[in-house]
């Protein structure tokens, strides 16, 4: 005779097994982008474009949906280098590798690594530096695999709460981890991290989960509670609703970035590091907003 406890365990296994067998649906991401360059007052809404020195991509393959955000380091402009060239080329290379199927969904660090080394091997040197965040949804396993280098990042929101997020990587205040290519002979003088140093994670997602991937221009100007308040406006999975909410978040961050009296997350972090700073942080802002939905061809 089975004990009540043993019977309960068998029943639980049967229920869990039944759920996993019946939930054979593939998942996908319904994604929209919005962004603002620091020097522009009007948002650019076309996916895959650079917003100032930020860049992003949205790509699909038969096994996964993949997103990326990169923030070009603006200090290169002082040396006559366009910072958007490095971040933009890095993201375009990631996008191409995904579309060609040259990636493993469970290893987003691999996508970032292969893209970076392609840049290093360019016949025409491409100088610059960038942070990077790669987010991959494996459609069949329903797992979100991520790689984040620096202070761009992502949030996963479920039921109005943040249930998973990236960890910011900083060498010291306002100096994030970054991929770099320096002029010949100057390698030691330019801060450069290995793509393998990216923080990686895996997380099981559910239908209806919201994933927000963004550059630091968003997170430096909007705390979690403001972002969550905006996400309440997302009522369904149609692309129009996702686009409208992405735009609302980017616009609010852009306005706050230019408010001299606002105590932004960046200003608070600066004060915590002994600096007397107040106001928003004018910066490029890139927002990729996704909702997990059932896959349809």
Protein backbone atom coordinates (compact mmCIF):
# COMPACT_ATOMS: atom_id res chain seq x y z
CA UNK A 1 0.00 0.00 0.00
CA UNK A 2 1.30 3.44 -0.88
CA UNK A 3 1.61 6.00 1.86
CA UNK A 4 -0.23 9.28 1.44
CA UNK A 5 3.13 11.04 1.00
CA UNK A 6 4.32 8.59 -1.67
CA UNK A 7 1.01 8.81 -3.51
CA UNK A 8 1.21 12.60 -3.38
CA UNK A 9 4.67 12.54 -4.90
CA UNK A 10 3.57 10.24 -7.70
CA UNK A 11 0.56 12.44 -8.39
CA UNK A 12 2.74 15.57 -8.47
CA UNK A 13 5.13 13.93 -10.92
CA UNK A 14 2.24 12.89 -13.12
CA UNK A 15 0.78 16.41 -13.12
CA UNK A 16 4.15 18.04 -13.84
CA UNK A 17 4.88 15.47 -16.53
CA UNK A 18 1.50 16.07 -18.10
CA UNK A 19 2.00 19.82 -18.11
CA UNK A 20 5.42 19.59 -19.70
CA UNK A 21 4.09 17.25 -22.37
CA UNK A 22 1.04 19.33 -23.24
CA UNK A 23 2.93 22.63 -23.23
CA UNK A 24 4.80 21.78 -26.40
CA UNK A 25 4.17 25.21 -27.85
CA UNK A 26 7.08 27.28 -29.07
CA UNK A 27 7.42 30.75 -27.59
CA UNK A 28 8.57 33.90 -29.33
CA UNK A 29 9.16 37.57 -28.57
CA UNK A 30 6.98 40.39 -29.85
CA UNK A 31 9.50 43.23 -29.81
CA UNK A 32 9.50 46.95 -30.57
CA UNK A 33 12.26 49.52 -30.27
CA UNK A 34 12.47 53.21 -29.56
CA UNK A 35 15.40 55.48 -28.87
CA UNK A 36 16.80 58.97 -28.71
CA UNK A 37 20.25 60.24 -29.50
CA UNK A 38 21.57 62.59 -26.86
CA UNK A 39 21.77 65.45 -29.36
CA UNK A 40 18.31 64.92 -30.87
CA UNK A 41 14.90 65.84 -29.52
CA UNK A 42 12.91 63.44 -31.69
CA UNK A 43 12.84 59.65 -31.40
CA UNK A 44 13.86 57.32 -34.21
CA UNK A 45 11.56 54.32 -34.29
CA UNK A 46 13.12 52.11 -36.94
CA UNK A 47 14.52 48.87 -35.55
CA UNK A 48 18.17 48.06 -36.02
CA UNK A 49 19.26 51.70 -36.23
CA UNK A 50 21.66 53.63 -34.07
CA UNK A 51 20.24 56.05 -31.54
CA UNK A 52 23.17 58.41 -31.16
CA UNK A 53 26.12 56.23 -30.17
CA UNK A 54 23.82 53.39 -29.10
CA UNK A 55 22.97 50.55 -31.47
CA UNK A 56 20.60 47.61 -31.35
CA UNK A 57 19.28 44.68 -33.35
CA UNK A 58 16.29 42.33 -33.40
CA UNK A 59 16.79 39.00 -35.18
CA UNK A 60 14.98 35.71 -35.59
CA UNK A 61 16.16 32.24 -36.42
CA UNK A 62 14.20 29.01 -36.54
CA UNK A 63 15.30 28.09 -33.01
CA UNK A 64 15.40 31.44 -31.21
CA UNK A 65 14.66 35.14 -31.03
CA UNK A 66 17.71 37.29 -30.31
CA UNK A 67 18.05 40.93 -29.21
CA UNK A 68 21.07 43.10 -28.65
CA UNK A 69 21.94 46.56 -27.35
CA UNK A 70 25.35 48.23 -27.42
CA UNK A 71 26.42 51.64 -26.11
CA UNK A 72 29.37 53.19 -27.91
CA UNK A 73 31.82 55.03 -25.63
CA UNK A 74 31.51 58.72 -26.48
CA UNK A 75 35.04 59.66 -25.40
CA UNK A 76 36.41 58.40 -28.72
CA UNK A 77 34.91 61.46 -30.39
CA UNK A 78 37.70 63.54 -28.81
CA UNK A 79 40.15 61.61 -30.99
CA UNK A 80 38.20 62.01 -34.21
CA UNK A 81 36.51 58.61 -34.02
CA UNK A 82 32.73 58.19 -34.45
CA UNK A 83 31.71 56.04 -31.44
CA UNK A 84 28.56 54.79 -33.20
CA UNK A 85 30.65 52.95 -35.81
CA UNK A 86 31.97 50.42 -33.29
CA UNK A 87 28.65 49.77 -31.52
CA UNK A 88 26.73 49.71 -34.79
CA UNK A 89 29.11 47.30 -36.51
CA UNK A 90 29.19 45.04 -33.45
CA UNK A 91 25.39 44.75 -33.42
CA UNK A 92 25.14 44.28 -37.20
CA UNK A 93 27.68 41.47 -36.97
CA UNK A 94 25.74 39.80 -34.16
CA UNK A 95 22.55 40.11 -36.21
CA UNK A 96 24.17 38.54 -39.27
CA UNK A 97 25.55 35.61 -37.28
CA UNK A 98 22.11 34.93 -35.82
CA UNK A 99 20.38 35.05 -39.20
CA UNK A 100 23.00 32.70 -40.61
CA UNK A 101 22.43 30.27 -37.75
CA UNK A 102 26.00 30.58 -36.53
CA UNK A 103 25.14 30.60 -32.86
CA UNK A 104 23.95 28.37 -30.02
CA UNK A 105 20.87 29.75 -28.22
CA UNK A 106 22.17 28.69 -24.81
CA UNK A 107 25.47 30.53 -25.35
CA UNK A 108 24.93 34.24 -26.05
CA UNK A 109 28.49 34.94 -24.90
CA UNK A 110 29.54 32.97 -27.97
CA UNK A 111 27.65 35.32 -30.29
CA UNK A 112 29.30 38.32 -28.67
CA UNK A 113 32.75 36.71 -28.76
CA UNK A 114 32.56 35.69 -32.42
CA UNK A 115 31.29 39.14 -33.43
CA UNK A 116 34.04 40.93 -31.52
CA UNK A 117 36.79 38.79 -33.03
CA UNK A 118 35.40 39.41 -36.50
CA UNK A 119 35.81 43.13 -35.81
CA UNK A 120 39.38 42.56 -34.66
CA UNK A 121 40.15 40.80 -37.95
CA UNK A 122 38.79 43.56 -40.20
CA UNK A 123 41.28 44.62 -42.85
CA UNK A 124 40.35 48.23 -42.18
CA UNK A 125 40.86 48.92 -38.46
CA UNK A 126 37.67 49.83 -36.62
CA UNK A 127 38.51 51.83 -33.52
CA UNK A 128 36.21 52.33 -30.56
CA UNK A 129 34.66 50.81 -27.46
CA UNK A 130 31.21 49.61 -26.47
CA UNK A 131 29.22 47.87 -23.79
CA UNK A 132 26.95 45.06 -24.99
CA UNK A 133 23.90 43.08 -23.89
CA UNK A 134 22.61 40.01 -25.76
CA UNK A 135 19.26 38.36 -24.93
CA UNK A 136 18.23 35.02 -26.51
CA UNK A 137 14.90 33.26 -26.16
CA UNK A 138 15.12 29.54 -26.97
CA UNK A 139 11.68 28.96 -28.44
CA UNK A 140 11.39 25.27 -27.61
CA UNK A 141 12.86 25.19 -24.08
CA UNK A 142 11.25 28.52 -23.07
CA UNK A 143 14.55 29.60 -21.52
CA UNK A 144 15.99 33.09 -21.73
CA UNK A 145 19.78 33.09 -22.09
CA UNK A 146 21.63 36.37 -21.61
CA UNK A 147 25.10 37.89 -21.73
CA UNK A 148 25.77 41.37 -20.40
CA UNK A 149 29.06 43.26 -20.49
CA UNK A 150 28.99 46.69 -18.85
CA UNK A 151 26.05 48.84 -17.83
CA UNK A 152 23.46 48.20 -20.52
CA UNK A 153 21.10 45.49 -19.34
CA UNK A 154 17.68 43.91 -19.11
CA UNK A 155 14.72 43.30 -16.81
CA UNK A 156 12.22 40.44 -16.83
CA UNK A 157 8.86 41.52 -15.41
CA UNK A 158 6.06 39.16 -14.36
CA UNK A 159 2.88 40.16 -12.59
CA UNK A 160 4.10 43.74 -12.22
CA UNK A 161 7.35 42.73 -10.46
CA UNK A 162 10.96 42.35 -11.57
CA UNK A 163 11.69 38.62 -11.34
CA UNK A 164 15.08 38.55 -13.09
CA UNK A 165 17.61 41.14 -14.18
CA UNK A 166 21.16 41.70 -15.39
CA UNK A 167 24.02 42.64 -13.10
CA UNK A 168 25.82 45.86 -13.94
CA UNK A 169 29.57 45.55 -14.43
CA UNK A 170 31.69 48.57 -13.49
CA UNK A 171 35.43 48.92 -12.99
CA UNK A 172 34.68 52.02 -10.94
CA UNK A 173 32.12 54.84 -11.00
CA UNK A 174 30.87 55.58 -14.52
CA UNK A 175 33.46 53.26 -16.08
CA UNK A 176 31.68 50.12 -17.27
CA UNK A 177 33.21 46.96 -18.67
CA UNK A 178 33.59 47.37 -22.43
CA UNK A 179 34.87 45.80 -25.60
CA UNK A 180 37.53 47.91 -27.30
CA UNK A 181 39.79 48.11 -30.32
CA UNK A 182 42.69 50.51 -29.86
CA UNK A 183 45.12 51.95 -32.41
CA UNK A 184 48.25 49.85 -32.96
CA UNK A 185 50.70 50.41 -30.14
CA UNK A 186 48.08 51.92 -27.83
CA UNK A 187 46.42 48.71 -26.66
CA UNK A 188 47.66 49.05 -23.10
CA UNK A 189 46.39 52.61 -22.81
CA UNK A 190 42.76 51.77 -23.66
CA UNK A 191 40.45 50.01 -21.24
CA UNK A 192 39.38 46.73 -22.81
CA UNK A 193 37.59 43.67 -21.42
CA UNK A 194 37.23 40.23 -22.88
CA UNK A 195 33.78 39.25 -24.20
CA UNK A 196 34.12 36.13 -22.05
CA UNK A 197 33.96 38.45 -19.02
CA UNK A 198 30.28 39.12 -19.76
CA UNK A 199 27.89 38.12 -17.00
CA UNK A 200 25.68 35.29 -18.27
CA UNK A 201 22.43 33.82 -16.98
CA UNK A 202 19.55 31.51 -17.91
CA UNK A 203 15.94 31.93 -16.80
CA UNK A 204 12.67 30.13 -17.52
CA UNK A 205 10.09 32.51 -18.96
CA UNK A 206 6.30 32.27 -19.13
CA UNK A 207 3.74 33.51 -21.61
CA UNK A 208 3.05 37.16 -20.88
CA UNK A 209 6.44 37.89 -19.33
CA UNK A 210 7.82 41.30 -20.30
CA UNK A 211 11.49 41.71 -21.17
CA UNK A 212 12.97 45.19 -21.30
CA UNK A 213 16.47 45.46 -22.78
CA UNK A 214 18.07 48.89 -22.77
CA UNK A 215 21.20 50.99 -22.69
CA UNK A 216 22.28 52.79 -19.53
CA UNK A 217 20.58 55.95 -20.79
CA UNK A 218 17.33 54.40 -19.61
CA UNK A 219 18.47 52.89 -16.32
CA UNK A 220 20.47 56.02 -15.33
CA UNK A 221 17.32 58.13 -15.64
CA UNK A 222 14.42 55.89 -14.61
CA UNK A 223 14.28 53.79 -11.43
CA UNK A 224 12.47 50.47 -11.43
CA UNK A 225 9.23 51.80 -10.00
CA UNK A 226 8.85 54.31 -12.85
CA UNK A 227 9.57 51.65 -15.46
CA UNK A 228 7.04 49.28 -13.86
CA UNK A 229 4.45 52.05 -13.83
CA UNK A 230 4.90 52.55 -17.57
CA UNK A 231 4.76 48.82 -18.23
CA UNK A 232 1.26 48.71 -16.76
CA UNK A 233 0.16 50.39 -20.00
CA UNK A 234 1.07 47.24 -21.93
CA UNK A 235 -2.28 45.45 -22.15
CA UNK A 236 -1.76 42.83 -24.88
CA UNK A 237 0.79 41.25 -27.18
CA UNK A 238 0.05 43.09 -30.42
CA UNK A 239 2.98 44.99 -31.87
CA UNK A 240 1.13 48.32 -31.79
CA UNK A 241 0.69 48.12 -28.01
CA UNK A 242 4.30 47.06 -27.47
CA UNK A 243 5.54 49.90 -29.71
CA UNK A 244 3.43 52.48 -27.92
CA UNK A 245 4.70 51.38 -24.52
CA UNK A 246 8.33 51.32 -25.68
CA UNK A 247 7.91 54.84 -26.96
CA UNK A 248 6.30 56.01 -23.72
CA UNK A 249 9.22 54.64 -21.66
CA UNK A 250 11.88 56.14 -23.93
CA UNK A 251 10.15 59.51 -24.03
CA UNK A 252 9.84 59.73 -20.25
CA UNK A 253 13.51 58.81 -19.79
CA UNK A 254 14.46 61.42 -22.39
CA UNK A 255 12.52 64.15 -20.60
CA UNK A 256 13.96 63.22 -17.19
CA UNK A 257 17.49 63.21 -18.62
CA UNK A 258 17.24 66.97 -19.15
CA UNK A 259 15.57 67.85 -15.83
CA UNK A 260 18.19 69.68 -13.71
CA UNK A 261 16.17 69.30 -10.50
CA UNK A 262 15.47 65.58 -10.77
CA UNK A 263 17.40 63.20 -8.52
CA UNK A 264 18.06 60.51 -11.09
CA UNK A 265 19.45 57.04 -10.33
CA UNK A 266 22.72 58.24 -11.90
CA UNK A 267 22.83 61.31 -9.63
CA UNK A 268 22.10 59.16 -6.60
CA UNK A 269 24.89 56.74 -7.57
CA UNK A 270 27.26 59.72 -8.02
CA UNK A 271 26.37 61.02 -4.55
CA UNK A 272 27.01 57.57 -3.13
CA UNK A 273 30.49 57.87 -4.61
CA UNK A 274 31.15 61.24 -2.97
CA UNK A 275 30.19 63.48 -5.88
CA UNK A 276 27.79 66.40 -5.61
CA UNK A 277 25.52 65.71 -8.58
CA UNK A 278 21.88 66.43 -9.22
CA UNK A 279 19.63 66.19 -12.25
CA UNK A 280 19.09 63.71 -15.02
CA UNK A 281 21.90 62.33 -17.15
CA UNK A 282 21.72 63.49 -20.79
CA UNK A 283 22.59 60.40 -22.77
CA UNK A 284 21.63 58.26 -25.73
CA UNK A 285 18.64 56.09 -24.87
CA UNK A 286 17.75 52.76 -26.47
CA UNK A 287 14.75 50.67 -25.42
CA UNK A 288 13.84 47.23 -26.74
CA UNK A 289 10.54 46.10 -25.26
CA UNK A 290 9.45 42.47 -25.69
CA UNK A 291 6.57 40.33 -24.51
CA UNK A 292 6.67 36.54 -24.50
CA UNK A 293 3.92 35.12 -26.74
CA UNK A 294 3.05 31.86 -28.43
CA UNK A 295 5.07 31.43 -31.62
CA UNK A 296 3.28 31.84 -34.93
CA UNK A 297 4.87 31.60 -38.37
